[in-house]
């Protein structure tokens, strides 16, 4: 009935989209909500085309979902295969996926990959700092380039580093948005057609398996038990793939399922809050205590940012309590002496399972800024491998181990007292967090 209601209320394009998704009432309801939201914003966005974000969905080459959302196909195809209607799907063997347990491990692996790279190193970051670790990374890049030039047979090693400049655009914004949308969608659709090895990782070196290696392996390669989906969110350019996937996952999380969600800056969008409070799954949300917030101790107005997040947290906790949802939706605060907390992620445990089968890894904070303002990149990993599921479970447990459960007493602590001016300003500026 949800599908029929959504189709009747929506325009023809929504009915075409729902035709691609038979037997998916949860997703149909979500699309209906998106349709209502777009309708309310139509007058404000008259010069922009919100239907552009549906281009990859309405393409005739998009494969149809043939299985219900909560059942594995006889062939073993996982229940989240609907994501491949939006982005490319890459099947891999779980033994090729390694979960890193610490920043130091990531840093050492990154340097190791740089040292053995033969053709290219690609890195993307908001900024490159000036501390000793950053200098060590730059020295590693420089040393690798010098060795490639001095080798008996010089390689064609190229290093590309992408850093943020303005977080915005200048000139004709509408034209810039259209051009950016087309370029990104061209890449996504081309990759969907080729289904080739993904090279658009935030960081990668050429010591990884090459296409030639994969071809030479032939039939010796084991069947994939893990699937990787690259997600992107560029709402200023009307690209909302990550938002659609995240909202759908939250919408369809059934009773008995558990969702572990972490964010360094707790400021959920209204849509995400509605889904957390209105669906049946259990949620454990891990966020930063004020002392491990990246702005803790900052000078000037920035020093009040942790207090603003405390205020937002308290408002959300109050809403949870008013709905009597304290047992189903739990907040936990991360604290570790000398550390800041900037973890982002989601782990989904299906009903009756003690291990997660899906995780989201990437840059989004699940907040207003991540959804509406920033450019975000993320991957969804779905796996049937118990060994990899165990690694993901251990990663989640390690993060939550350094946390305490939030209760009413939490906000009575002296460090949680929020000044009146912060309470008054927070509603005005929270959309920039």
Protein backbone atom coordinates (compact mmCIF):
# COMPACT_ATOMS: atom_id res chain seq x y z
CA UNK A 1 0.00 0.00 0.00
CA UNK A 2 2.94 2.29 0.69
CA UNK A 3 4.15 1.77 -2.90
CA UNK A 4 0.69 2.54 -4.32
CA UNK A 5 0.35 5.67 -2.19
CA UNK A 6 3.78 6.94 -3.18
CA UNK A 7 3.12 6.28 -6.86
CA UNK A 8 -0.27 7.96 -6.79
CA UNK A 9 1.06 11.03 -5.05
CA UNK A 10 4.17 11.43 -7.15
CA UNK A 11 4.68 12.52 -10.72
CA UNK A 12 5.25 10.21 -13.66
CA UNK A 13 8.98 10.01 -13.03
CA UNK A 14 8.42 8.58 -9.55
CA UNK A 15 6.03 5.94 -10.98
CA UNK A 16 8.71 4.95 -13.50
CA UNK A 17 11.25 4.69 -10.70
CA UNK A 18 8.94 2.61 -8.51
CA UNK A 19 8.47 0.30 -11.48
CA UNK A 20 12.15 -0.56 -11.18
CA UNK A 21 11.72 -1.52 -7.52
CA UNK A 22 8.91 -4.08 -7.17
CA UNK A 23 8.07 -5.30 -3.71
CA UNK A 24 10.02 -2.58 -1.88
CA UNK A 25 7.49 -0.70 0.28
CA UNK A 26 10.20 0.78 2.51
CA UNK A 27 12.05 2.35 -0.39
CA UNK A 28 8.77 3.43 -1.96
CA UNK A 29 7.85 5.27 1.22
CA UNK A 30 11.27 6.93 1.28
CA UNK A 31 10.90 8.08 -2.32
CA UNK A 32 7.48 9.43 -1.46
CA UNK A 33 9.06 11.47 1.33
CA UNK A 34 11.71 12.75 -1.03
CA UNK A 35 8.99 13.69 -3.53
CA UNK A 36 7.13 15.67 -0.88
CA UNK A 37 10.33 17.41 0.16
CA UNK A 38 11.19 18.33 -3.41
CA UNK A 39 7.66 19.59 -3.96
CA UNK A 40 7.88 21.92 -0.97
CA UNK A 41 11.17 23.30 -2.21
CA UNK A 42 10.10 23.66 -5.86
CA UNK A 43 9.39 27.37 -5.71
CA UNK A 44 12.68 28.13 -4.00
CA UNK A 45 14.64 26.06 -6.51
CA UNK A 46 12.84 27.01 -9.70
CA UNK A 47 16.11 27.46 -11.59
CA UNK A 48 17.43 24.02 -10.62
CA UNK A 49 16.30 20.60 -11.74
CA UNK A 50 15.97 18.17 -8.79
CA UNK A 51 15.08 15.37 -11.20
CA UNK A 52 18.66 15.43 -12.47
CA UNK A 53 19.76 13.36 -9.49
CA UNK A 54 17.52 10.53 -10.75
CA UNK A 55 19.31 10.28 -14.10
CA UNK A 56 21.25 7.11 -13.23
CA UNK A 57 18.10 5.52 -11.82
CA UNK A 58 15.93 6.12 -14.88
CA UNK A 59 18.50 5.01 -17.45
CA UNK A 60 17.23 2.04 -19.49
CA UNK A 61 20.53 0.20 -18.89
CA UNK A 62 20.04 0.07 -15.13
CA UNK A 63 19.54 -3.53 -13.94
CA UNK A 64 16.26 -4.21 -12.18
CA UNK A 65 16.07 -5.43 -8.61
CA UNK A 66 14.65 -8.93 -8.76
CA UNK A 67 14.69 -9.92 -5.10
CA UNK A 68 12.73 -8.66 -2.10
CA UNK A 69 14.73 -6.46 0.26
CA UNK A 70 14.96 -8.87 3.15
CA UNK A 71 15.66 -12.22 1.46
CA UNK A 72 18.83 -13.64 -0.02
CA UNK A 73 18.50 -14.83 -3.59
CA UNK A 74 18.93 -18.56 -4.26
CA UNK A 75 22.12 -17.70 -6.12
CA UNK A 76 23.53 -16.09 -2.96
CA UNK A 77 23.30 -12.50 -4.17
CA UNK A 78 23.06 -10.32 -1.07
CA UNK A 79 19.94 -8.46 -0.05
CA UNK A 80 21.46 -5.04 -0.65
CA UNK A 81 21.87 -5.52 -4.39
CA UNK A 82 19.48 -2.61 -5.00
CA UNK A 83 22.45 -0.28 -4.36
CA UNK A 84 23.91 -1.31 -7.73
CA UNK A 85 20.98 0.52 -9.37
CA UNK A 86 22.64 3.72 -8.19
CA UNK A 87 26.39 3.11 -8.45
CA UNK A 88 28.86 0.50 -9.72
CA UNK A 89 29.15 -2.76 -7.81
CA UNK A 90 32.56 -4.37 -7.32
CA UNK A 91 32.74 -7.95 -6.13
CA UNK A 92 35.93 -8.97 -4.31
CA UNK A 93 37.21 -11.78 -2.16
CA UNK A 94 37.04 -10.86 1.52
CA UNK A 95 40.67 -11.91 1.99
CA UNK A 96 41.63 -8.80 -0.01
CA UNK A 97 39.92 -6.51 2.54
CA UNK A 98 41.82 -5.52 5.67
CA UNK A 99 40.38 -3.49 8.53
CA UNK A 100 42.90 -1.07 10.06
CA UNK A 101 42.68 -0.61 13.81
CA UNK A 102 44.50 2.66 14.47
CA UNK A 103 45.64 5.94 12.88
CA UNK A 104 49.27 4.84 13.28
CA UNK A 105 48.58 1.61 11.36
CA UNK A 106 46.93 3.60 8.57
CA UNK A 107 49.87 6.02 8.41
CA UNK A 108 52.45 3.25 8.19
CA UNK A 109 50.48 1.39 5.54
CA UNK A 110 50.13 4.58 3.52
CA UNK A 111 53.88 5.14 3.57
CA UNK A 112 54.49 1.50 2.66
CA UNK A 113 52.18 1.74 -0.34
CA UNK A 114 53.88 4.95 -1.49
CA UNK A 115 57.33 3.36 -1.33
CA UNK A 116 56.40 0.47 -3.64
CA UNK A 117 54.19 2.43 -6.06
CA UNK A 118 55.40 2.17 -9.68
CA UNK A 119 52.94 4.19 -11.72
CA UNK A 120 50.91 6.59 -9.62
CA UNK A 121 49.99 7.81 -6.14
CA UNK A 122 46.75 9.73 -5.72
CA UNK A 123 45.86 11.47 -2.47
CA UNK A 124 42.91 13.70 -1.52
CA UNK A 125 42.60 15.73 1.67
CA UNK A 126 41.03 18.89 3.01
CA UNK A 127 44.47 20.17 3.91
CA UNK A 128 48.07 19.11 4.50
CA UNK A 129 49.40 20.10 7.90
CA UNK A 130 52.88 21.27 8.88
CA UNK A 131 53.63 18.88 11.75
CA UNK A 132 56.32 16.18 11.89
CA UNK A 133 54.05 13.41 10.59
CA UNK A 134 53.00 15.48 7.59
CA UNK A 135 56.65 16.26 6.88
CA UNK A 136 57.47 12.56 7.13
CA UNK A 137 54.76 11.82 4.57
CA UNK A 138 56.05 14.49 2.18
CA UNK A 139 59.60 13.17 2.58
CA UNK A 140 58.37 9.69 1.72
CA UNK A 141 56.72 10.97 -1.46
CA UNK A 142 59.85 12.92 -2.43
CA UNK A 143 62.13 9.94 -1.79
CA UNK A 144 59.95 7.63 -3.88
CA UNK A 145 59.92 10.09 -6.77
CA UNK A 146 63.70 10.50 -6.64
CA UNK A 147 64.25 6.74 -6.68
CA UNK A 148 61.95 6.36 -9.67
CA UNK A 149 64.01 8.93 -11.59
CA UNK A 150 67.37 7.44 -10.62
CA UNK A 151 66.43 3.84 -11.38
CA UNK A 152 68.18 2.03 -14.22
CA UNK A 153 64.87 1.94 -16.02
CA UNK A 154 63.05 5.10 -14.84
CA UNK A 155 59.34 4.56 -14.20
CA UNK A 156 56.47 6.84 -15.13
CA UNK A 157 55.51 7.39 -11.49
CA UNK A 158 53.16 10.32 -11.06
CA UNK A 159 51.98 11.83 -7.79
CA UNK A 160 48.68 13.73 -7.65
CA UNK A 161 47.53 15.54 -4.49
CA UNK A 162 44.09 17.16 -4.28
CA UNK A 163 43.52 19.71 -1.48
CA UNK A 164 40.50 21.86 -0.69
CA UNK A 165 40.65 25.48 -1.85
CA UNK A 166 37.45 27.42 -1.15
CA UNK A 167 34.74 24.77 -0.47
CA UNK A 168 32.64 26.69 -2.92
CA UNK A 169 32.51 28.01 -6.45
CA UNK A 170 32.80 31.35 -8.15
CA UNK A 171 31.27 32.83 -11.25
CA UNK A 172 28.14 31.29 -12.80
CA UNK A 173 27.14 28.89 -10.02
CA UNK A 174 24.29 27.28 -11.96
CA UNK A 175 26.52 26.51 -14.95
CA UNK A 176 29.24 25.22 -12.65
CA UNK A 177 26.77 22.90 -10.90
CA UNK A 178 25.51 21.51 -14.22
CA UNK A 179 29.03 20.88 -15.48
CA UNK A 180 30.12 19.22 -12.24
CA UNK A 181 26.99 17.05 -12.16
CA UNK A 182 27.57 15.89 -15.72
CA UNK A 183 31.23 15.06 -15.13
CA UNK A 184 30.54 13.03 -11.98
CA UNK A 185 27.57 11.19 -13.49
CA UNK A 186 29.57 10.42 -16.64
CA UNK A 187 32.21 8.75 -14.48
CA UNK A 188 29.63 6.80 -12.47
CA UNK A 189 27.67 5.60 -15.49
CA UNK A 190 30.82 4.68 -17.38
CA UNK A 191 32.07 2.66 -14.43
CA UNK A 192 28.70 0.94 -14.09
CA UNK A 193 28.92 -0.13 -17.71
CA UNK A 194 32.50 -1.41 -17.48
CA UNK A 195 32.42 -2.77 -13.92
CA UNK A 196 36.19 -2.46 -13.88
CA UNK A 197 38.54 -2.33 -10.91
CA UNK A 198 37.83 0.76 -8.83
CA UNK A 199 40.64 3.34 -8.92
CA UNK A 200 38.80 6.24 -7.31
CA UNK A 201 39.81 5.50 -3.73
CA UNK A 202 40.76 8.32 -1.42
CA UNK A 203 44.26 6.85 -1.40
CA UNK A 204 45.70 4.08 -3.56
CA UNK A 205 49.06 2.84 -4.79
CA UNK A 206 49.90 0.52 -7.65
CA UNK A 207 51.13 -2.29 -5.44
CA UNK A 208 47.50 -3.41 -5.38
CA UNK A 209 46.27 -6.07 -7.81
CA UNK A 210 46.42 -4.73 -11.37
CA UNK A 211 43.99 -5.50 -14.18
CA UNK A 212 46.69 -7.55 -15.92
CA UNK A 213 47.25 -9.60 -12.75
CA UNK A 214 43.54 -10.21 -12.45
CA UNK A 215 43.27 -11.30 -16.08
CA UNK A 216 46.24 -13.66 -15.72
CA UNK A 217 44.66 -15.25 -12.66
CA UNK A 218 41.62 -16.19 -14.73
CA UNK A 219 39.49 -18.94 -13.27
CA UNK A 220 41.78 -19.28 -10.26
CA UNK A 221 40.19 -16.22 -8.67
CA UNK A 222 37.68 -17.24 -6.00
CA UNK A 223 34.06 -16.19 -6.27
CA UNK A 224 33.39 -12.85 -4.56
CA UNK A 225 31.80 -12.86 -1.12
CA UNK A 226 32.11 -9.13 -0.58
CA UNK A 227 30.69 -6.21 -2.56
CA UNK A 228 31.91 -2.62 -2.56
CA UNK A 229 29.87 0.41 -3.64
CA UNK A 230 31.38 3.91 -4.05
CA UNK A 231 28.94 6.57 -2.81
CA UNK A 232 29.14 10.31 -3.30
CA UNK A 233 27.19 13.30 -1.99
CA UNK A 234 27.39 16.61 -3.81
CA UNK A 235 24.07 18.26 -3.07
CA UNK A 236 25.20 21.69 -4.34
CA UNK A 237 25.52 19.86 -7.68
CA UNK A 238 22.22 17.98 -7.12
CA UNK A 239 23.92 14.62 -6.55
CA UNK A 240 22.42 12.82 -3.53
CA UNK A 241 23.52 9.21 -3.88
CA UNK A 242 24.97 8.84 -0.38
CA UNK A 243 21.90 10.48 1.16
CA UNK A 244 19.52 8.18 -0.70
CA UNK A 245 21.44 5.05 0.25
CA UNK A 246 21.75 6.07 3.91
CA UNK A 247 18.08 7.00 4.24
CA UNK A 248 17.03 3.76 2.56
CA UNK A 249 19.19 1.67 4.89
CA UNK A 250 17.66 3.40 7.91
CA UNK A 251 14.16 3.08 6.48
CA UNK A 252 14.40 -0.65 5.87
CA UNK A 253 16.19 -1.64 9.09
CA UNK A 254 13.66 -4.07 10.51
CA UNK A 255 12.69 -4.85 14.08
CA UNK A 256 15.51 -6.73 15.77
CA UNK A 257 18.21 -5.20 13.58
CA UNK A 258 20.93 -3.12 15.22
CA UNK A 259 22.53 -0.01 13.79
CA UNK A 260 25.76 1.37 15.23
CA UNK A 261 26.37 4.92 14.01
CA UNK A 262 29.37 7.11 14.84
CA UNK A 263 29.94 10.77 14.16
CA UNK A 264 32.50 13.22 15.49
CA UNK A 265 30.05 16.10 15.12
CA UNK A 266 26.56 15.06 16.21
CA UNK A 267 24.03 17.13 14.27
CA UNK A 268 21.74 14.72 12.43
CA UNK A 269 19.55 16.07 9.65
CA UNK A 270 15.84 16.15 10.39
CA UNK A 271 15.30 13.29 7.94
CA UNK A 272 17.85 11.09 9.70
CA UNK A 273 16.43 11.98 13.12
CA UNK A 274 12.91 11.11 11.96
CA UNK A 275 14.11 7.73 10.72
CA UNK A 276 16.07 6.93 13.88
CA UNK A 277 13.11 7.86 16.07
CA UNK A 278 10.42 6.43 13.83
CA UNK A 279 11.78 3.06 12.68
CA UNK A 280 11.97 -0.21 14.64
CA UNK A 281 15.66 -1.07 14.66
CA UNK A 282 17.87 -0.56 17.71
CA UNK A 283 20.38 2.28 17.52
CA UNK A 284 23.59 2.93 19.40
CA UNK A 285 24.98 6.32 18.39
CA UNK A 286 28.56 7.15 19.32
CA UNK A 287 29.52 10.82 19.44
CA UNK A 288 32.29 12.98 20.86
CA UNK A 289 32.34 14.18 24.43
CA UNK A 290 33.21 17.90 24.63
CA UNK A 291 36.78 17.14 25.73
CA UNK A 292 37.58 15.15 22.54
CA UNK A 293 35.82 17.56 20.17
CA UNK A 294 38.31 18.99 17.69
CA UNK A 295 37.37 22.55 18.74
CA UNK A 296 37.82 21.96 22.48
CA UNK A 297 40.01 24.68 23.96
CA UNK A 298 39.96 26.81 20.80
CA UNK A 299 40.25 30.58 21.17
CA UNK A 300 37.39 32.98 20.55
CA UNK A 301 33.96 31.98 19.33
CA UNK A 302 35.27 28.64 18.02
CA UNK A 303 35.83 27.58 21.63
CA UNK A 304 32.04 27.51 22.12
CA UNK A 305 31.47 24.96 19.35
CA UNK A 306 31.74 21.90 21.67
CA UNK A 307 29.06 23.49 23.88
CA UNK A 308 26.82 23.94 20.84
CA UNK A 309 27.12 20.22 20.10
CA UNK A 310 26.26 19.46 23.75
CA UNK A 311 23.12 21.56 23.32
CA UNK A 312 22.14 19.68 20.15
CA UNK A 313 22.85 16.36 21.86
CA UNK A 314 20.72 17.29 24.86
CA UNK A 315 17.80 18.31 22.65
CA UNK A 316 17.94 15.01 20.79
CA UNK A 317 18.23 13.03 24.01
CA UNK A 318 15.22 14.88 25.38
CA UNK A 319 13.21 13.92 22.31
CA UNK A 320 14.25 10.27 22.71
CA UNK A 321 13.07 10.34 26.33
CA UNK A 322 9.80 12.10 25.51
CA UNK A 323 8.99 9.27 23.09
CA UNK A 324 9.99 6.61 25.59
CA UNK A 325 12.70 5.29 23.26
CA UNK A 326 15.63 5.18 25.71
CA UNK A 327 16.00 1.41 25.43
CA UNK A 328 15.89 1.36 21.62
CA UNK A 329 17.94 4.50 20.87
CA UNK A 330 21.05 4.92 23.00
CA UNK A 331 23.66 7.65 22.93
CA UNK A 332 27.25 7.04 23.96
CA UNK A 333 30.07 9.55 24.30
CA UNK A 334 33.66 8.80 23.31
CA UNK A 335 36.40 9.93 25.66
CA UNK A 336 40.10 9.16 25.60
CA UNK A 337 42.79 11.23 27.23
CA UNK A 338 44.94 13.12 24.74
CA UNK A 339 42.79 12.12 21.74
CA UNK A 340 40.27 13.85 19.53
CA UNK A 341 37.31 11.92 18.09
CA UNK A 342 36.62 12.19 14.39
CA UNK A 343 35.30 8.73 13.55
CA UNK A 344 32.44 8.40 11.09
CA UNK A 345 30.74 5.16 10.16
CA UNK A 346 27.75 2.84 10.28
CA UNK A 347 27.56 -0.89 11.05
CA UNK A 348 24.34 -2.78 10.31
CA UNK A 349 23.54 -6.02 12.13
CA UNK A 350 20.57 -7.92 10.71
CA UNK A 351 17.96 -9.26 13.07
CA UNK A 352 19.24 -12.36 14.85
CA UNK A 353 22.86 -11.78 13.84
CA UNK A 354 25.74 -11.02 16.19
CA UNK A 355 27.95 -9.74 13.36
CA UNK A 356 27.50 -6.84 10.91
CA UNK A 357 26.97 -7.59 7.23
CA UNK A 358 27.19 -3.97 6.01
CA UNK A 359 29.32 -0.99 6.91
CA UNK A 360 29.69 2.57 5.61
CA UNK A 361 33.21 4.04 5.53
CA UNK A 362 33.96 7.58 4.47
CA UNK A 363 33.79 11.29 5.19
CA UNK A 364 30.09 12.07 5.97
CA UNK A 365 29.13 13.07 9.52
CA UNK A 366 25.40 12.41 8.89
CA UNK A 367 24.82 16.07 9.71
CA UNK A 368 23.28 18.96 7.84
CA UNK A 369 26.57 20.21 6.43
CA UNK A 370 27.58 16.75 5.18
CA UNK A 371 24.26 16.28 3.42
CA UNK A 372 23.55 19.77 2.10
CA UNK A 373 26.83 21.70 1.81
CA UNK A 374 29.98 19.60 1.60
CA UNK A 375 31.30 17.21 -1.01
CA UNK A 376 31.49 13.78 0.62
CA UNK A 377 32.87 10.41 -0.50
CA UNK A 378 32.03 7.10 1.10
CA UNK A 379 31.94 3.40 0.33
CA UNK A 380 29.44 0.78 1.39
CA UNK A 381 30.90 -2.68 2.04
CA UNK A 382 28.53 -5.66 2.10
CA UNK A 383 29.99 -9.05 2.97
CA UNK A 384 28.86 -12.62 3.50
CA UNK A 385 32.28 -13.58 4.91
CA UNK A 386 32.15 -14.31 8.63
CA UNK A 387 35.87 -13.59 8.92
CA UNK A 388 35.45 -10.06 7.53
CA UNK A 389 32.25 -9.57 9.51
CA UNK A 390 34.24 -10.43 12.62
CA UNK A 391 36.85 -7.79 11.72
CA UNK A 392 34.13 -5.17 11.28
CA UNK A 393 32.55 -6.20 14.58
CA UNK A 394 35.88 -5.84 16.37
CA UNK A 395 36.37 -2.40 14.81
CA UNK A 396 32.99 -1.30 16.14
CA UNK A 397 33.65 -2.76 19.59
CA UNK A 398 37.05 -1.07 19.80
CA UNK A 399 35.51 2.34 19.18
CA UNK A 400 32.63 1.87 21.62
CA UNK A 401 34.96 0.49 24.30
CA UNK A 402 36.17 4.03 25.07
CA UNK A 403 32.69 5.42 25.65
CA UNK A 404 30.10 5.98 28.34
CA UNK A 405 26.32 5.79 28.09
CA UNK A 406 24.50 9.13 28.02
CA UNK A 407 21.81 9.66 30.63
CA UNK A 408 20.00 12.61 32.20
CA UNK A 409 22.84 12.82 34.73
CA UNK A 410 25.30 13.45 31.90
CA UNK A 411 23.91 16.93 31.31
CA UNK A 412 24.04 17.83 35.00
CA UNK A 413 27.84 17.76 35.00
CA UNK A 414 29.53 21.19 35.26
CA UNK A 415 31.33 20.65 31.95
CA UNK A 416 27.96 20.24 30.21
CA UNK A 417 26.48 23.56 31.26
CA UNK A 418 25.77 25.57 28.10
CA UNK A 419 25.74 29.35 28.21
CA UNK A 420 22.53 31.11 27.26
CA UNK A 421 24.04 32.89 24.26
CA UNK A 422 25.23 29.54 22.84
CA UNK A 423 21.71 28.12 23.19
CA UNK A 424 20.29 31.15 21.39
CA UNK A 425 22.83 31.12 18.55
CA UNK A 426 22.94 27.35 17.92
CA UNK A 427 19.56 27.13 16.07
CA UNK A 428 20.72 29.92 13.77
CA UNK A 429 24.06 28.35 12.83
CA UNK A 430 23.48 24.58 13.19
CA UNK A 431 22.92 24.25 9.45
CA UNK A 432 26.57 25.19 8.96
CA UNK A 433 27.85 22.34 11.20
